[in-house]
Each structure stands twice: as structure tokens, then as C-alpha cells.
Protein backbone atom coordinates (compact mmCIF):
# COMPACT_ATOMS: atom_id res chain seq x y z
CA SER A 1 0.13 -0.06 0.26
CA PHE A 2 0.82 3.61 -0.03
CA GLN A 3 1.55 3.81 3.35
CA ASN A 4 3.71 1.27 3.57
CA SER A 5 5.64 2.51 0.69
CA CYS A 6 5.60 5.90 2.65
CA GLU A 7 7.15 4.01 5.93
CA ASP A 8 9.56 2.18 3.75
CA ALA A 9 10.94 5.45 2.16
CA ARG A 10 11.31 7.46 5.66
CA ASP A 11 13.26 4.13 6.89
CA ILE A 12 15.64 4.11 3.85
CA ASN A 13 16.15 7.95 4.97
CA GLN A 14 16.49 7.66 8.22
CA ARG A 15 19.36 5.02 7.19
CA GLN A 16 21.11 6.92 4.77
CA ALA A 17 21.02 10.08 7.26
CA GLU A 18 23.56 7.60 9.45
CA CYS A 19 25.81 6.70 6.66
CA ARG A 20 29.16 6.64 6.81
CA TYR A 21 31.89 7.51 4.06
CA MET A 22 35.09 5.70 3.88
CA ASP A 23 38.16 6.14 1.60
CA VAL A 24 39.87 2.95 1.35
CA GLY A 25 42.86 2.87 -0.53
CA GLY A 26 41.81 6.11 -2.45
CA ALA A 27 38.66 4.81 -3.32
CA HIS A 28 35.52 6.42 -1.73
CA PHE A 29 32.64 3.75 -0.44
CA HIS A 30 29.14 4.86 1.25
CA THR A 31 27.70 2.73 3.46
CA SER A 32 25.37 2.99 6.23
CA VAL A 33 26.31 2.47 10.05
CA ASP A 34 23.94 -0.19 10.42
CA THR A 35 25.76 -1.88 7.94
CA LEU A 36 29.13 -1.22 9.47
CA LYS A 37 27.69 -2.83 12.83
CA MET A 38 26.74 -6.28 11.20
CA GLN A 39 28.02 -9.50 11.52
CA GLY A 40 30.36 -7.84 14.39
CA PRO A 41 32.60 -7.66 16.58
CA HIS A 42 34.93 -6.46 14.04
CA LEU A 43 36.99 -3.13 13.31
CA PHE A 44 33.74 -1.40 11.33
CA SER A 45 31.42 -1.70 14.64
CA VAL A 46 33.92 -0.02 16.42
CA LEU A 47 34.36 2.67 14.02
CA ALA A 48 30.61 2.79 13.76
CA SER A 49 30.37 3.15 17.62
CA GLU A 50 29.16 6.25 19.13
CA ASP A 51 31.91 5.62 21.72
CA PHE A 52 34.65 5.95 19.03
CA PRO A 53 34.49 8.80 17.22
CA SER A 54 35.99 8.50 13.67
CA GLU A 55 38.76 10.60 12.60
CA VAL A 56 37.90 12.11 9.37
CA ASN A 57 39.67 13.93 6.39
CA GLY A 58 38.68 17.33 4.68
CA ASP A 59 36.33 15.47 2.34
CA GLY A 60 34.12 14.15 5.44
CA TYR A 61 35.76 10.54 4.95
CA VAL A 62 37.31 8.28 7.31
CA PHE A 63 40.46 7.10 5.81
CA VAL A 64 41.38 3.24 5.69
CA ASP A 65 44.88 2.06 4.25
CA ARG A 66 44.17 -0.68 2.84
CA ASP A 67 43.61 -2.27 -1.20
CA SER A 68 40.44 -1.23 -2.13
CA ARG A 69 39.58 -3.89 -4.64
CA TRP A 70 38.70 -6.34 -1.91
CA PHE A 71 36.52 -3.84 -0.03
CA GLY A 72 33.26 -4.11 -1.68
CA LEU A 73 33.21 -7.72 -0.69
CA ILE A 74 33.76 -6.89 2.78
CA LEU A 75 30.58 -4.58 2.81
CA ASP A 76 28.77 -6.96 0.86
CA TYR A 77 29.65 -9.85 3.52
CA LEU A 78 28.49 -7.35 6.15
CA ARG A 79 25.29 -6.66 4.69
CA GLU A 80 24.38 -9.77 3.65
CA GLY A 81 26.68 -12.56 6.10
CA THR A 82 28.01 -14.04 3.03
CA VAL A 83 29.90 -13.42 -0.28
CA LEU A 84 30.78 -14.95 -3.55
CA LEU A 85 34.77 -15.25 -3.29
CA PRO A 86 36.86 -15.10 -6.58
CA ARG A 87 37.59 -18.22 -8.51
CA SER A 88 41.14 -17.51 -8.04
CA ALA A 89 42.89 -19.28 -4.97
CA VAL A 90 45.15 -15.80 -5.04
CA GLN A 91 42.03 -13.59 -5.18
CA ARG A 92 39.98 -15.47 -2.38
CA ASN A 93 43.59 -15.64 -0.02
CA ALA A 94 43.56 -11.67 -0.33
CA VAL A 95 39.98 -11.30 0.55
CA ARG A 96 40.71 -13.36 3.59
CA ARG A 97 43.64 -11.31 4.31
CA GLU A 98 41.64 -8.11 4.10
CA ALA A 99 38.67 -9.93 6.43
CA GLU A 100 41.41 -11.02 8.95
CA TYR A 101 42.79 -7.53 9.05
CA TYR A 102 39.29 -5.77 9.84
CA GLY A 103 39.05 -8.52 12.34
CA ILE A 104 35.69 -10.25 10.45
CA GLU A 105 35.42 -13.58 10.46
């Protein structure tokens, strides 16, 4: 119904208002605080916590000095609890290293 759609839109707007902007190895990512807190505890759940004020650069991004190639997969895992890993063993290991760095099991 229209009313349900309006409520859904309000929920989406609320989540977007709580967005985090991340610069990972020079690539920009935007995600919600809720996503960063999922599948925790890990580094991102701490960064998203109100108890830990994140340092942001002049553009409003939290800088993470890591390889951005795999960060989208990390976010997918946080959102869904699962992720389709690359076929290459070398690439899978790279994703696993990134996940370990962030404290994601």
C-alpha cells in the first residue's frame, strides 16, 4: 500500500542520514552505520560506534589504508552475511587477509 511505501521510504532516509563515508586506499565507499555494525564485533563495528569518534579527512571520509579492490566484497559480507568469493585462490586469499585485518571471521 501507499502508506507502507511511505514508511519504507522514511526508514531508508533515516538509514541514509546515518551514512559513513570511507576512503579505502583512495577509493570512496558510502555505507550505512547499520551495515558497519553487522556481523560484528570487528573493526567497523567499533568505527561505527558512538563510543569511538572516527577521524575524518577534510572531505568527510574516514581513511583506511588498505587495498580497495576487495573492500566491496567486505561490505557485501557485512550486509548479507555471505559473499561470492573470486575463483582464483590468490584472490580468495587476498580477500581473507583483508577480512582478517578488519577482524571479520
